[in-house]
All heavy atoms as atom14 arrays in JSON, in Angstrom:
{
  "sequence": "LNLEAYPDAVAFLQHLKDNDIPTGILSNGSPDMLEP",
  "atom14_mask": [
    [1, 1, 1, 1, 1, 1, 1, 1, 0, 0, 0, 0, 0, 0],
    [1, 1, 1, 1, 1, 1, 1, 1, 0, 0, 0, 0, 0, 0],
    [1, 1, 1, 1, 1, 1, 1, 1, 0, 0, 0, 0, 0, 0],
    [1, 1, 1, 1, 1, 1, 1, 1, 1, 0, 0, 0, 0, 0],
    [1, 1, 1, 1, 1, 0, 0, 0, 0, 0, 0, 0, 0, 0],
    [1, 1, 1, 1, 1, 1, 1, 1, 1, 1, 1, 1, 0, 0],
    [1, 1, 1, 1, 1, 1, 1, 0, 0, 0, 0, 0, 0, 0],
    [1, 1, 1, 1, 1, 1, 1, 1, 0, 0, 0, 0, 0, 0],
    [1, 1, 1, 1, 1, 0, 0, 0, 0, 0, 0, 0, 0, 0],
    [1, 1, 1, 1, 1, 1, 1, 0, 0, 0, 0, 0, 0, 0],
    [1, 1, 1, 1, 1, 0, 0, 0, 0, 0, 0, 0, 0, 0],
    [1, 1, 1, 1, 1, 1, 1, 1, 1, 1, 1, 0, 0, 0],
    [1, 1, 1, 1, 1, 1, 1, 1, 0, 0, 0, 0, 0, 0],
    [1, 1, 1, 1, 1, 1, 1, 1, 1, 0, 0, 0, 0, 0],
    [1, 1, 1, 1, 1, 1, 1, 1, 1, 1, 0, 0, 0, 0],
    [1, 1, 1, 1, 1, 1, 1, 1, 0, 0, 0, 0, 0, 0],
    [1, 1, 1, 1, 1, 1, 1, 1, 1, 0, 0, 0, 0, 0],
    [1, 1, 1, 1, 1, 1, 1, 1, 0, 0, 0, 0, 0, 0],
    [1, 1, 1, 1, 1, 1, 1, 1, 0, 0, 0, 0, 0, 0],
    [1, 1, 1, 1, 1, 1, 1, 1, 0, 0, 0, 0, 0, 0],
    [1, 1, 1, 1, 1, 1, 1, 1, 0, 0, 0, 0, 0, 0],
    [1, 1, 1, 1, 1, 1, 1, 0, 0, 0, 0, 0, 0, 0],
    [1, 1, 1, 1, 1, 1, 1, 0, 0, 0, 0, 0, 0, 0],
    [1, 1, 1, 1, 0, 0, 0, 0, 0, 0, 0, 0, 0, 0],
    [1, 1, 1, 1, 1, 1, 1, 1, 0, 0, 0, 0, 0, 0],
    [1, 1, 1, 1, 1, 1, 1, 1, 0, 0, 0, 0, 0, 0],
    [1, 1, 1, 1, 1, 1, 0, 0, 0, 0, 0, 0, 0, 0],
    [1, 1, 1, 1, 1, 1, 1, 1, 0, 0, 0, 0, 0, 0],
    [1, 1, 1, 1, 0, 0, 0, 0, 0, 0, 0, 0, 0, 0],
    [1, 1, 1, 1, 1, 1, 0, 0, 0, 0, 0, 0, 0, 0],
    [1, 1, 1, 1, 1, 1, 1, 0, 0, 0, 0, 0, 0, 0],
    [1, 1, 1, 1, 1, 1, 1, 1, 0, 0, 0, 0, 0, 0],
    [1, 1, 1, 1, 1, 1, 1, 1, 0, 0, 0, 0, 0, 0],
    [1, 1, 1, 1, 1, 1, 1, 1, 0, 0, 0, 0, 0, 0],
    [1, 1, 1, 1, 1, 1, 1, 1, 1, 0, 0, 0, 0, 0],
    [1, 1, 1, 1, 1, 1, 1, 0, 0, 0, 0, 0, 0, 0]
  ],
  "atom14_positions": [
    [[-4.66, 11.24, -8.22], [-3.37, 11.0, -7.68], [-3.33, 11.22, -6.16], [-2.33, 11.01, -5.58], [-2.48, 12.26, -8.27], [-2.16, 12.11, -9.73], [-1.31, 13.31, -10.11], [-1.5, 10.85, -10.25], [0.0, 0.0, 0.0], [0.0, 0.0, 0.0], [0.0, 0.0, 0.0], [0.0, 0.0, 0.0], [0.0, 0.0, 0.0], [0.0, 0.0, 0.0]],
    [[-4.51, 11.33, -5.64], [-4.66, 11.4, -4.14], [-5.89, 10.56, -3.69], [-6.67, 11.01, -2.87], [-4.92, 12.91, -3.74], [-3.68, 13.73, -3.95], [-2.79, 13.87, -3.22], [-3.67, 14.4, -5.2], [0.0, 0.0, 0.0], [0.0, 0.0, 0.0], [0.0, 0.0, 0.0], [0.0, 0.0, 0.0], [0.0, 0.0, 0.0], [0.0, 0.0, 0.0]],
    [[-5.88, 9.28, -4.16], [-7.06, 8.43, -3.89], [-6.96, 8.0, -2.44], [-5.91, 7.99, -1.75], [-6.9, 7.25, -4.73], [-7.21, 7.36, -6.19], [-6.9, 6.0, -6.9], [-8.62, 7.84, -6.54], [0.0, 0.0, 0.0], [0.0, 0.0, 0.0], [0.0, 0.0, 0.0], [0.0, 0.0, 0.0], [0.0, 0.0, 0.0], [0.0, 0.0, 0.0]],
    [[-8.14, 7.79, -1.83], [-8.19, 7.32, -0.32], [-7.88, 5.91, -0.26], [-8.27, 5.05, -1.2], [-9.62, 7.61, 0.14], [-10.08, 9.1, 0.11], [-11.52, 9.3, 0.51], [-12.2, 8.27, 0.77], [-12.06, 10.38, 0.55], [0.0, 0.0, 0.0], [0.0, 0.0, 0.0], [0.0, 0.0, 0.0], [0.0, 0.0, 0.0], [0.0, 0.0, 0.0]],
    [[-7.23, 5.45, 0.72], [-6.93, 4.04, 1.07], [-8.13, 3.43, 1.82], [-8.83, 4.15, 2.54], [-5.64, 3.87, 1.84], [0.0, 0.0, 0.0], [0.0, 0.0, 0.0], [0.0, 0.0, 0.0], [0.0, 0.0, 0.0], [0.0, 0.0, 0.0], [0.0, 0.0, 0.0], [0.0, 0.0, 0.0], [0.0, 0.0, 0.0], [0.0, 0.0, 0.0]],
    [[-8.47, 2.17, 1.55], [-9.47, 1.53, 2.29], [-8.9, 1.32, 3.67], [-7.76, 0.98, 3.92], [-9.7, 0.26, 1.64], [-10.57, 0.24, 0.45], [-9.93, 0.08, -0.89], [-11.95, 0.44, 0.37], [-10.55, 0.04, -2.03], [-12.6, 0.59, -0.93], [-11.97, 0.41, -2.05], [-12.71, 0.41, -3.22], [0.0, 0.0, 0.0], [0.0, 0.0, 0.0]],
    [[-9.77, 1.53, 4.66], [-9.33, 1.43, 6.06], [-8.86, 0.03, 6.4], [-7.88, -0.11, 7.2], [-10.6, 1.73, 6.91], [-11.45, 2.64, 6.06], [-11.15, 2.2, 4.66], [0.0, 0.0, 0.0], [0.0, 0.0, 0.0], [0.0, 0.0, 0.0], [0.0, 0.0, 0.0], [0.0, 0.0, 0.0], [0.0, 0.0, 0.0], [0.0, 0.0, 0.0]],
    [[-9.41, -1.05, 5.83], [-8.93, -2.35, 6.06], [-7.57, -2.44, 5.56], [-6.68, -3.31, 6.12], [-9.87, -3.46, 5.66], [-10.22, -3.42, 4.15], [-9.66, -2.43, 3.39], [-10.88, -4.19, 3.64], [0.0, 0.0, 0.0], [0.0, 0.0, 0.0], [0.0, 0.0, 0.0], [0.0, 0.0, 0.0], [0.0, 0.0, 0.0], [0.0, 0.0, 0.0]],
    [[-7.16, -1.91, 4.47], [-5.89, -2.13, 3.78], [-4.77, -1.44, 4.79], [-3.76, -2.1, 5.05], [-5.83, -1.29, 2.52], [0.0, 0.0, 0.0], [0.0, 0.0, 0.0], [0.0, 0.0, 0.0], [0.0, 0.0, 0.0], [0.0, 0.0, 0.0], [0.0, 0.0, 0.0], [0.0, 0.0, 0.0], [0.0, 0.0, 0.0], [0.0, 0.0, 0.0]],
    [[-5.09, -0.24, 5.4], [-4.15, 0.29, 6.25], [-3.88, -0.48, 7.47], [-2.71, -0.78, 7.83], [-4.59, 1.76, 6.73], [-3.66, 2.36, 7.63], [-4.82, 2.69, 5.42], [0.0, 0.0, 0.0], [0.0, 0.0, 0.0], [0.0, 0.0, 0.0], [0.0, 0.0, 0.0], [0.0, 0.0, 0.0], [0.0, 0.0, 0.0], [0.0, 0.0, 0.0]],
    [[-4.87, -1.07, 8.04], [-4.8, -1.83, 9.22], [-3.99, -3.13, 9.05], [-3.17, -3.44, 9.77], [-6.18, -2.2, 9.88], [0.0, 0.0, 0.0], [0.0, 0.0, 0.0], [0.0, 0.0, 0.0], [0.0, 0.0, 0.0], [0.0, 0.0, 0.0], [0.0, 0.0, 0.0], [0.0, 0.0, 0.0], [0.0, 0.0, 0.0], [0.0, 0.0, 0.0]],
    [[-4.31, -3.72, 7.85], [-3.58, -4.97, 7.52], [-2.1, -4.74, 7.24], [-1.23, -5.58, 7.62], [-4.29, -5.77, 6.42], [-3.77, -7.11, 6.27], [-3.88, -8.02, 7.24], [-3.16, -7.5, 5.11], [-3.43, -9.33, 7.13], [-2.65, -8.77, 4.91], [-2.81, -9.78, 5.83], [0.0, 0.0, 0.0], [0.0, 0.0, 0.0], [0.0, 0.0, 0.0]],
    [[-1.84, -3.72, 6.4], [-0.46, -3.38, 6.12], [0.4, -3.08, 7.43], [1.47, -3.47, 7.47], [-0.3, -2.21, 5.09], [-0.75, -2.54, 3.72], [-0.82, -1.25, 2.92], [0.27, -3.5, 3.13], [0.0, 0.0, 0.0], [0.0, 0.0, 0.0], [0.0, 0.0, 0.0], [0.0, 0.0, 0.0], [0.0, 0.0, 0.0], [0.0, 0.0, 0.0]],
    [[-0.27, -2.35, 8.41], [0.41, -2.12, 9.62], [0.64, -3.38, 10.38], [1.77, -3.55, 10.88], [-0.43, -1.18, 10.38], [0.14, -0.76, 11.76], [1.43, 0.0, 11.5], [1.4, 1.15, 10.93], [2.56, -0.48, 12.01], [0.0, 0.0, 0.0], [0.0, 0.0, 0.0], [0.0, 0.0, 0.0], [0.0, 0.0, 0.0], [0.0, 0.0, 0.0]],
    [[-0.25, -4.37, 10.36], [0.04, -5.61, 10.99], [1.23, -6.33, 10.31], [2.07, -6.87, 11.09], [-1.14, -6.53, 10.87], [-0.91, -8.0, 11.14], [-0.7, -8.53, 12.35], [-0.69, -8.97, 10.34], [-0.44, -9.72, 12.28], [-0.4, -10.13, 11.09], [0.0, 0.0, 0.0], [0.0, 0.0, 0.0], [0.0, 0.0, 0.0], [0.0, 0.0, 0.0]],
    [[1.29, -6.35, 8.98], [2.42, -7.09, 8.37], [3.73, -6.42, 8.72], [4.76, -7.06, 8.91], [2.1, -7.01, 6.79], [0.92, -7.89, 6.3], [0.77, -7.63, 4.89], [1.0, -9.26, 6.69], [0.0, 0.0, 0.0], [0.0, 0.0, 0.0], [0.0, 0.0, 0.0], [0.0, 0.0, 0.0], [0.0, 0.0, 0.0], [0.0, 0.0, 0.0]],
    [[3.71, -5.08, 8.71], [4.95, -4.3, 9.13], [5.37, -4.62, 10.53], [6.6, -4.82, 10.76], [4.68, -2.92, 8.82], [5.97, -1.98, 9.22], [5.71, -0.48, 8.86], [6.87, 0.27, 9.21], [8.15, 0.05, 8.33], [0.0, 0.0, 0.0], [0.0, 0.0, 0.0], [0.0, 0.0, 0.0], [0.0, 0.0, 0.0], [0.0, 0.0, 0.0]],
    [[4.36, -4.72, 11.41], [4.7, -4.94, 12.81], [5.33, -6.35, 13.0], [6.01, -6.69, 13.94], [3.49, -4.83, 13.6], [3.0, -3.41, 13.81], [3.77, -2.52, 13.37], [1.77, -3.21, 14.19], [0.0, 0.0, 0.0], [0.0, 0.0, 0.0], [0.0, 0.0, 0.0], [0.0, 0.0, 0.0], [0.0, 0.0, 0.0], [0.0, 0.0, 0.0]],
    [[5.03, -7.23, 12.03], [5.49, -8.65, 12.07], [6.67, -8.83, 11.14], [7.02, -9.98, 10.88], [4.38, -9.58, 11.91], [3.42, -9.7, 13.13], [3.53, -10.44, 14.08], [2.3, -8.81, 13.02], [0.0, 0.0, 0.0], [0.0, 0.0, 0.0], [0.0, 0.0, 0.0], [0.0, 0.0, 0.0], [0.0, 0.0, 0.0], [0.0, 0.0, 0.0]],
    [[7.24, -7.8, 10.59], [8.44, -7.98, 9.74], [8.16, -8.92, 8.51], [8.99, -9.58, 8.09], [9.62, -8.48, 10.48], [10.04, -7.5, 11.64], [9.89, -6.27, 11.43], [10.29, -7.93, 12.71], [0.0, 0.0, 0.0], [0.0, 0.0, 0.0], [0.0, 0.0, 0.0], [0.0, 0.0, 0.0], [0.0, 0.0, 0.0], [0.0, 0.0, 0.0]],
    [[7.02, -8.85, 7.94], [6.65, -9.58, 6.78], [6.85, -8.65, 5.5], [6.18, -7.62, 5.47], [5.08, -10.11, 6.84], [5.07, -11.01, 8.11], [4.78, -10.82, 5.55], [3.65, -11.45, 8.37], [0.0, 0.0, 0.0], [0.0, 0.0, 0.0], [0.0, 0.0, 0.0], [0.0, 0.0, 0.0], [0.0, 0.0, 0.0], [0.0, 0.0, 0.0]],
    [[7.58, -9.02, 4.55], [7.87, -8.26, 3.46], [6.49, -7.93, 2.66], [5.73, -8.89, 2.49], [8.85, -9.07, 2.54], [9.47, -9.95, 3.5], [8.43, -10.26, 4.46], [0.0, 0.0, 0.0], [0.0, 0.0, 0.0], [0.0, 0.0, 0.0], [0.0, 0.0, 0.0], [0.0, 0.0, 0.0], [0.0, 0.0, 0.0], [0.0, 0.0, 0.0]],
    [[6.38, -6.72, 2.12], [5.1, -6.32, 1.54], [5.54, -5.44, 0.33], [6.55, -4.83, 0.17], [4.22, -5.49, 2.44], [4.97, -4.25, 2.86], [3.8, -6.26, 3.6], [0.0, 0.0, 0.0], [0.0, 0.0, 0.0], [0.0, 0.0, 0.0], [0.0, 0.0, 0.0], [0.0, 0.0, 0.0], [0.0, 0.0, 0.0], [0.0, 0.0, 0.0]],
    [[4.56, -5.42, -0.59], [4.69, -4.64, -1.76], [3.5, -4.5, -2.53], [2.47, -5.23, -2.41], [0.0, 0.0, 0.0], [0.0, 0.0, 0.0], [0.0, 0.0, 0.0], [0.0, 0.0, 0.0], [0.0, 0.0, 0.0], [0.0, 0.0, 0.0], [0.0, 0.0, 0.0], [0.0, 0.0, 0.0], [0.0, 0.0, 0.0], [0.0, 0.0, 0.0]],
    [[3.48, -3.52, -3.45], [2.42, -3.33, -4.49], [2.99, -3.87, -5.76], [4.1, -3.62, -6.12], [2.08, -1.85, -4.56], [1.14, -1.43, -3.41], [1.45, -1.54, -5.93], [0.85, 0.06, -3.39], [0.0, 0.0, 0.0], [0.0, 0.0, 0.0], [0.0, 0.0, 0.0], [0.0, 0.0, 0.0], [0.0, 0.0, 0.0], [0.0, 0.0, 0.0]],
    [[2.14, -4.56, -6.57], [2.3, -5.05, -7.88], [1.21, -4.42, -8.74], [0.05, -4.91, -8.64], [2.41, -6.45, -7.94], [2.68, -7.1, -9.4], [4.04, -6.64, -9.81], [2.64, -8.51, -9.39], [0.0, 0.0, 0.0], [0.0, 0.0, 0.0], [0.0, 0.0, 0.0], [0.0, 0.0, 0.0], [0.0, 0.0, 0.0], [0.0, 0.0, 0.0]],
    [[1.49, -3.39, -9.47], [0.39, -2.6, -10.11], [0.65, -2.34, -11.61], [1.86, -2.18, -12.03], [0.27, -1.38, -9.39], [-0.7, -0.42, -10.03], [0.0, 0.0, 0.0], [0.0, 0.0, 0.0], [0.0, 0.0, 0.0], [0.0, 0.0, 0.0], [0.0, 0.0, 0.0], [0.0, 0.0, 0.0], [0.0, 0.0, 0.0], [0.0, 0.0, 0.0]],
    [[-0.43, -2.22, -12.25], [-0.45, -1.69, -13.66], [-0.17, -0.23, -13.81], [0.18, 0.3, -14.75], [-1.78, -2.0, -14.35], [-1.94, -3.33, -14.84], [-0.94, -4.13, -14.99], [-3.11, -3.85, -15.25], [0.0, 0.0, 0.0], [0.0, 0.0, 0.0], [0.0, 0.0, 0.0], [0.0, 0.0, 0.0], [0.0, 0.0, 0.0], [0.0, 0.0, 0.0]],
    [[-0.19, 0.48, -12.55], [0.01, 1.94, -12.66], [1.32, 2.29, -12.92], [2.27, 1.56, -12.61], [0.0, 0.0, 0.0], [0.0, 0.0, 0.0], [0.0, 0.0, 0.0], [0.0, 0.0, 0.0], [0.0, 0.0, 0.0], [0.0, 0.0, 0.0], [0.0, 0.0, 0.0], [0.0, 0.0, 0.0], [0.0, 0.0, 0.0], [0.0, 0.0, 0.0]],
    [[1.55, 3.51, -13.43], [2.91, 3.96, -13.74], [3.44, 4.64, -12.54], [2.74, 5.07, -11.7], [2.88, 5.04, -14.98], [1.84, 5.98, -14.75], [0.0, 0.0, 0.0], [0.0, 0.0, 0.0], [0.0, 0.0, 0.0], [0.0, 0.0, 0.0], [0.0, 0.0, 0.0], [0.0, 0.0, 0.0], [0.0, 0.0, 0.0], [0.0, 0.0, 0.0]],
    [[4.73, 4.63, -12.38], [5.48, 5.14, -11.26], [5.0, 6.63, -10.85], [4.84, 7.03, -9.74], [6.89, 5.12, -11.58], [7.1, 4.12, -12.63], [5.8, 4.08, -13.38], [0.0, 0.0, 0.0], [0.0, 0.0, 0.0], [0.0, 0.0, 0.0], [0.0, 0.0, 0.0], [0.0, 0.0, 0.0], [0.0, 0.0, 0.0], [0.0, 0.0, 0.0]],
    [[4.65, 7.54, -11.88], [4.38, 8.92, -11.67], [3.04, 9.08, -11.13], [2.61, 10.21, -10.78], [4.66, 9.79, -12.84], [3.85, 9.27, -14.22], [3.23, 8.19, -14.05], [3.93, 9.99, -15.18], [0.0, 0.0, 0.0], [0.0, 0.0, 0.0], [0.0, 0.0, 0.0], [0.0, 0.0, 0.0], [0.0, 0.0, 0.0], [0.0, 0.0, 0.0]],
    [[2.19, 8.04, -11.14], [0.87, 8.13, -10.52], [0.9, 7.24, -9.13], [0.21, 7.69, -8.31], [-0.19, 7.68, -11.42], [-0.12, 6.2, -11.94], [-1.31, 5.72, -13.29], [-2.96, 6.0, -12.49], [0.0, 0.0, 0.0], [0.0, 0.0, 0.0], [0.0, 0.0, 0.0], [0.0, 0.0, 0.0], [0.0, 0.0, 0.0], [0.0, 0.0, 0.0]],
    [[1.65, 6.2, -9.18], [1.71, 5.38, -7.92], [2.33, 6.06, -6.78], [1.92, 6.06, -5.61], [2.43, 4.12, -8.27], [1.66, 3.01, -8.89], [2.58, 1.89, -9.35], [0.51, 2.44, -8.14], [0.0, 0.0, 0.0], [0.0, 0.0, 0.0], [0.0, 0.0, 0.0], [0.0, 0.0, 0.0], [0.0, 0.0, 0.0], [0.0, 0.0, 0.0]],
    [[3.46, 6.8, -7.07], [4.18, 7.46, -6.02], [3.39, 8.43, -5.25], [3.31, 8.34, -4.0], [5.52, 8.03, -6.52], [6.3, 8.74, -5.45], [7.67, 9.3, -6.02], [7.86, 9.18, -7.27], [8.3, 9.97, -5.19], [0.0, 0.0, 0.0], [0.0, 0.0, 0.0], [0.0, 0.0, 0.0], [0.0, 0.0, 0.0], [0.0, 0.0, 0.0]],
    [[2.69, 9.47, -5.85], [1.86, 10.43, -5.15], [0.71, 9.72, -4.49], [0.15, 10.05, -3.43], [1.48, 11.41, -6.15], [1.69, 10.7, -7.48], [2.71, 9.83, -7.34], [0.0, 0.0, 0.0], [0.0, 0.0, 0.0], [0.0, 0.0, 0.0], [0.0, 0.0, 0.0], [0.0, 0.0, 0.0], [0.0, 0.0, 0.0], [0.0, 0.0, 0.0]]
  ]
}
């Protein structure tokens, strides 16, 4: 429930946010594990 993010993922998501590009996760995970 506390997995580490890949560094490249964080950098790229920040870029997308800075450029106002809509982003999201589409996952098989259940909400009670994805949220934390």
